[in-house]
N, C-alpha and C. Protein backbone atom coordinates (compact mmCIF):
# COMPACT_ATOMS: atom_id res chain seq x y z
N UNK A 1 -4.77 6.73 -11.17
CA UNK A 1 -4.29 6.43 -9.82
C UNK A 1 -2.76 6.55 -9.78
N UNK A 2 -2.10 6.07 -10.83
CA UNK A 2 -0.62 6.11 -10.84
C UNK A 2 -0.16 7.53 -10.90
N UNK A 3 -0.86 8.37 -11.68
CA UNK A 3 -0.47 9.79 -11.80
C UNK A 3 -0.66 10.52 -10.48
N UNK A 4 -1.76 10.16 -9.77
CA UNK A 4 -2.00 10.79 -8.45
C UNK A 4 -0.92 10.42 -7.49
N UNK A 5 -0.47 9.18 -7.53
CA UNK A 5 0.59 8.72 -6.62
C UNK A 5 1.87 9.52 -6.94
N UNK A 6 2.17 9.66 -8.23
CA UNK A 6 3.39 10.40 -8.59
C UNK A 6 3.31 11.85 -8.15
N UNK A 7 2.17 12.48 -8.28
CA UNK A 7 2.01 13.87 -7.84
C UNK A 7 2.19 13.97 -6.33
N UNK A 8 1.59 13.07 -5.56
CA UNK A 8 1.75 13.08 -4.11
C UNK A 8 3.21 12.85 -3.73
N UNK A 9 3.91 11.93 -4.41
CA UNK A 9 5.32 11.66 -4.10
C UNK A 9 6.16 12.92 -4.37
N UNK A 10 5.88 13.58 -5.50
CA UNK A 10 6.66 14.81 -5.82
C UNK A 10 6.39 15.89 -4.77
N UNK A 11 5.13 16.04 -4.33
CA UNK A 11 4.82 17.03 -3.32
C UNK A 11 5.58 16.71 -2.04
N UNK A 12 5.62 15.44 -1.66
CA UNK A 12 6.33 15.06 -0.46
C UNK A 12 7.82 15.36 -0.55
N UNK A 13 8.41 15.05 -1.71
CA UNK A 13 9.83 15.29 -1.89
C UNK A 13 10.15 16.80 -1.80
N UNK A 14 9.31 17.60 -2.46
CA UNK A 14 9.52 19.05 -2.46
C UNK A 14 9.39 19.61 -1.05
N UNK A 15 8.39 19.15 -0.31
CA UNK A 15 8.21 19.62 1.08
C UNK A 15 9.43 19.30 1.95
N UNK A 16 9.89 18.03 1.84
CA UNK A 16 11.03 17.61 2.68
C UNK A 16 12.30 18.37 2.29
N UNK A 17 12.55 18.47 0.99
CA UNK A 17 13.78 19.16 0.54
C UNK A 17 13.77 20.64 0.93
N UNK A 18 12.59 21.26 0.83
CA UNK A 18 12.54 22.68 1.21
C UNK A 18 12.75 22.87 2.72
N UNK A 19 12.26 21.94 3.50
CA UNK A 19 12.51 22.03 4.95
C UNK A 19 14.00 21.85 5.26
N UNK A 20 14.63 20.89 4.60
CA UNK A 20 16.04 20.66 4.83
C UNK A 20 16.89 21.85 4.36
N UNK A 21 16.53 22.43 3.24
CA UNK A 21 17.28 23.58 2.71
C UNK A 21 17.11 24.79 3.64
N UNK A 22 15.90 25.04 4.12
CA UNK A 22 15.70 26.15 5.05
C UNK A 22 16.47 25.96 6.35
N UNK A 23 16.45 24.71 6.78
CA UNK A 23 17.22 24.35 8.04
C UNK A 23 18.71 24.62 7.87
N UNK A 24 19.24 24.21 6.73
CA UNK A 24 20.64 24.41 6.43
C UNK A 24 20.97 25.90 6.33
N UNK A 25 20.16 26.65 5.65
CA UNK A 25 20.45 28.09 5.48
C UNK A 25 20.42 28.79 6.83
N UNK A 26 19.42 28.48 7.66
CA UNK A 26 19.37 29.11 8.99
C UNK A 26 20.51 28.71 9.88
N UNK A 27 20.94 27.43 9.77
CA UNK A 27 22.09 26.99 10.57
C UNK A 27 23.39 27.69 10.13
N UNK A 28 23.55 27.90 8.82
CA UNK A 28 24.74 28.55 8.35
C UNK A 28 24.79 30.05 8.67
N UNK A 29 23.62 30.67 8.77
CA UNK A 29 23.58 32.09 9.07
C UNK A 29 23.62 32.35 10.59
N UNK A 30 23.50 31.30 11.36
CA UNK A 30 23.59 31.44 12.82
C UNK A 30 22.34 31.98 13.48
N UNK A 31 21.22 31.84 12.88
CA UNK A 31 19.93 32.30 13.48
C UNK A 31 19.56 31.39 14.60
N UNK A 32 18.91 31.96 15.64
CA UNK A 32 18.50 31.15 16.76
C UNK A 32 17.31 30.26 16.47
N UNK A 33 16.61 30.49 15.37
CA UNK A 33 15.46 29.62 14.99
C UNK A 33 15.91 28.34 14.33
N UNK A 34 17.22 28.16 14.10
CA UNK A 34 17.72 26.96 13.44
C UNK A 34 17.41 25.72 14.21
N UNK A 35 17.52 25.75 15.52
CA UNK A 35 17.24 24.58 16.35
C UNK A 35 15.78 24.19 16.27
N UNK A 36 14.91 25.16 16.33
CA UNK A 36 13.48 24.88 16.23
C UNK A 36 13.11 24.34 14.84
N UNK A 37 13.68 24.92 13.82
CA UNK A 37 13.41 24.46 12.47
C UNK A 37 14.00 23.08 12.23
N UNK A 38 15.13 22.76 12.88
CA UNK A 38 15.67 21.41 12.78
C UNK A 38 14.76 20.38 13.39
N UNK A 39 14.18 20.70 14.53
CA UNK A 39 13.21 19.80 15.17
C UNK A 39 11.97 19.60 14.29
N UNK A 40 11.53 20.71 13.66
CA UNK A 40 10.39 20.61 12.76
C UNK A 40 10.70 19.78 11.53
N UNK A 41 11.93 19.88 11.01
CA UNK A 41 12.35 19.09 9.86
C UNK A 41 12.41 17.60 10.23
N UNK A 42 12.88 17.31 11.42
CA UNK A 42 12.88 15.90 11.87
C UNK A 42 11.46 15.35 12.00
N UNK A 43 10.59 16.16 12.55
CA UNK A 43 9.17 15.74 12.66
C UNK A 43 8.52 15.58 11.30
N UNK A 44 8.86 16.48 10.37
CA UNK A 44 8.26 16.41 9.00
C UNK A 44 8.81 15.18 8.26
N UNK A 45 10.05 14.77 8.59
CA UNK A 45 10.59 13.58 7.94
C UNK A 45 9.76 12.35 8.25
N UNK A 46 9.16 12.33 9.40
CA UNK A 46 8.30 11.22 9.75
C UNK A 46 6.84 11.48 9.35
N UNK A 47 6.36 12.68 9.57
CA UNK A 47 4.96 13.00 9.37
C UNK A 47 4.54 13.05 7.89
N UNK A 48 5.35 13.64 7.05
CA UNK A 48 4.97 13.81 5.62
C UNK A 48 4.75 12.46 4.95
N UNK A 49 5.64 11.51 5.06
CA UNK A 49 5.37 10.20 4.39
C UNK A 49 4.14 9.47 4.96
N UNK A 50 3.89 9.63 6.25
CA UNK A 50 2.71 9.02 6.87
C UNK A 50 1.45 9.66 6.33
N UNK A 51 1.43 10.95 6.21
CA UNK A 51 0.22 11.66 5.69
C UNK A 51 0.00 11.30 4.22
N UNK A 52 1.08 11.25 3.42
CA UNK A 52 0.95 10.91 2.02
C UNK A 52 0.47 9.46 1.86
N UNK A 53 0.94 8.54 2.68
CA UNK A 53 0.49 7.16 2.66
C UNK A 53 -1.00 7.09 3.01
N UNK A 54 -1.43 7.87 4.00
CA UNK A 54 -2.85 7.90 4.33
C UNK A 54 -3.70 8.43 3.17
N UNK A 55 -3.22 9.45 2.46
CA UNK A 55 -3.95 9.95 1.29
C UNK A 55 -4.06 8.85 0.19
N UNK A 56 -2.97 8.11 0.00
CA UNK A 56 -3.01 7.08 -1.02
C UNK A 56 -3.98 5.94 -0.64
N UNK A 57 -4.04 5.65 0.67
CA UNK A 57 -4.99 4.62 1.12
C UNK A 57 -6.42 5.11 0.94
N UNK A 58 -6.68 6.36 1.21
CA UNK A 58 -7.99 6.93 1.00
C UNK A 58 -8.38 6.93 -0.47
N UNK A 59 -7.42 7.12 -1.34
CA UNK A 59 -7.72 7.07 -2.77
C UNK A 59 -8.10 5.65 -3.19
N UNK A 60 -7.56 4.65 -2.54
CA UNK A 60 -7.97 3.29 -2.85
C UNK A 60 -9.36 3.00 -2.34
N UNK A 61 -9.72 3.54 -1.17
CA UNK A 61 -11.03 3.29 -0.58
C UNK A 61 -12.10 4.10 -1.32
N UNK A 62 -11.80 5.34 -1.60
CA UNK A 62 -12.72 6.24 -2.28
C UNK A 62 -12.15 6.63 -3.61
N UNK A 63 -12.40 5.83 -4.65
CA UNK A 63 -11.83 6.17 -5.98
C UNK A 63 -12.34 7.47 -6.52
N UNK A 64 -11.49 8.14 -7.34
CA UNK A 64 -11.93 9.41 -7.91
C UNK A 64 -13.09 9.23 -8.89
N UNK A 65 -13.87 10.26 -9.07
CA UNK A 65 -15.01 10.24 -9.97
C UNK A 65 -14.68 11.06 -11.20
N UNK A 66 -15.30 10.67 -12.30
CA UNK A 66 -15.10 11.42 -13.57
C UNK A 66 -16.48 11.94 -14.02
N UNK A 67 -16.47 13.06 -14.70
CA UNK A 67 -17.71 13.62 -15.22
C UNK A 67 -18.13 12.88 -16.49
N UNK A 68 -19.41 12.54 -16.58
CA UNK A 68 -19.96 11.95 -17.78
C UNK A 68 -20.30 13.04 -18.77
N UNK A 69 -20.63 12.66 -20.00
CA UNK A 69 -21.00 13.61 -21.01
C UNK A 69 -22.34 14.34 -20.63
N UNK A 70 -23.19 13.60 -19.90
CA UNK A 70 -24.50 14.17 -19.54
C UNK A 70 -24.41 15.00 -18.26
N UNK A 71 -23.20 15.16 -17.70
CA UNK A 71 -23.05 16.04 -16.52
C UNK A 71 -23.05 15.25 -15.22
N UNK A 72 -23.40 13.95 -15.24
CA UNK A 72 -23.40 13.15 -14.07
C UNK A 72 -22.00 12.66 -13.69
N UNK A 73 -21.88 12.02 -12.57
CA UNK A 73 -20.61 11.48 -12.14
C UNK A 73 -20.67 9.99 -12.10
N UNK A 74 -19.58 9.31 -12.40
CA UNK A 74 -19.48 7.87 -12.29
C UNK A 74 -18.09 7.52 -11.84
N UNK A 75 -17.96 6.27 -11.30
CA UNK A 75 -16.64 5.85 -10.85
C UNK A 75 -15.73 5.64 -12.06
N UNK A 76 -14.50 5.91 -11.86
CA UNK A 76 -13.52 5.75 -12.93
C UNK A 76 -13.36 4.28 -13.23
N UNK A 77 -13.21 3.93 -14.51
CA UNK A 77 -13.03 2.55 -14.90
C UNK A 77 -11.75 1.97 -14.37
N UNK A 78 -11.79 0.65 -14.01
CA UNK A 78 -10.58 -0.03 -13.54
C UNK A 78 -10.37 0.13 -12.08
N UNK A 79 -11.35 0.64 -11.32
CA UNK A 79 -11.15 0.80 -9.88
C UNK A 79 -11.61 -0.44 -9.10
N UNK A 80 -12.22 -1.40 -9.80
CA UNK A 80 -12.70 -2.58 -9.11
C UNK A 80 -14.14 -2.54 -8.82
N UNK A 81 -14.80 -1.45 -8.93
CA UNK A 81 -16.23 -1.30 -8.65
C UNK A 81 -16.99 -1.75 -9.90
N UNK A 82 -18.02 -2.55 -9.70
CA UNK A 82 -18.90 -2.96 -10.81
C UNK A 82 -18.20 -3.89 -11.79
N UNK A 83 -17.39 -4.83 -11.30
CA UNK A 83 -16.73 -5.71 -12.23
C UNK A 83 -17.44 -7.06 -12.35
N UNK A 84 -18.60 -7.21 -11.74
CA UNK A 84 -19.32 -8.49 -11.87
C UNK A 84 -19.83 -8.64 -13.27
N UNK A 85 -19.82 -9.90 -13.78
CA UNK A 85 -20.30 -10.08 -15.18
C UNK A 85 -21.79 -9.89 -15.26
N UNK A 86 -22.24 -9.34 -16.39
CA UNK A 86 -23.67 -9.22 -16.66
C UNK A 86 -24.27 -10.57 -16.97
N UNK A 87 -25.59 -10.61 -17.01
CA UNK A 87 -26.23 -11.88 -17.28
C UNK A 87 -25.90 -12.38 -18.72
N UNK A 88 -25.61 -11.52 -19.63
CA UNK A 88 -25.34 -11.90 -21.01
C UNK A 88 -23.88 -12.27 -21.21
N UNK A 89 -23.00 -12.00 -20.27
CA UNK A 89 -21.58 -12.28 -20.43
C UNK A 89 -21.26 -13.66 -19.92
N UNK A 90 -20.02 -14.04 -20.06
CA UNK A 90 -19.58 -15.38 -19.60
C UNK A 90 -19.84 -15.47 -18.10
N UNK A 91 -20.35 -16.65 -17.73
CA UNK A 91 -20.64 -16.85 -16.32
C UNK A 91 -22.08 -16.62 -16.03
N UNK A 92 -22.81 -15.97 -16.90
CA UNK A 92 -24.24 -15.75 -16.74
C UNK A 92 -24.97 -16.93 -17.34
N UNK A 93 -26.23 -17.10 -16.92
CA UNK A 93 -26.98 -18.22 -17.41
C UNK A 93 -28.06 -17.73 -18.37
N UNK A 94 -27.88 -17.95 -19.66
CA UNK A 94 -28.88 -17.61 -20.68
C UNK A 94 -29.58 -18.88 -21.10
N UNK A 95 -30.81 -18.97 -20.80
CA UNK A 95 -31.59 -20.17 -21.21
C UNK A 95 -32.56 -19.72 -22.27
N UNK A 96 -32.44 -20.39 -23.46
CA UNK A 96 -33.34 -20.07 -24.58
C UNK A 96 -34.37 -21.14 -24.71
């Protein structure tokens, strides 16, 4: 989960920096598309973090799956799913 967050953050940083760089280059060359790209960069400054935050929230709700040795899929350990104690563990009632 932490690695996925880092990857999404890096993607967001690269997207925003590339938009700013393209906007700067077009503004310095005097192209008429500079104004349009500047507006797009301002919109992306707001939209990219919101979309990345939504992806991270979806990863919390729908945890990633890992392949088992037998080819099946199971939830990744540590996601909170299936953390109830078994009957034989502490908290269970074993009557002999």
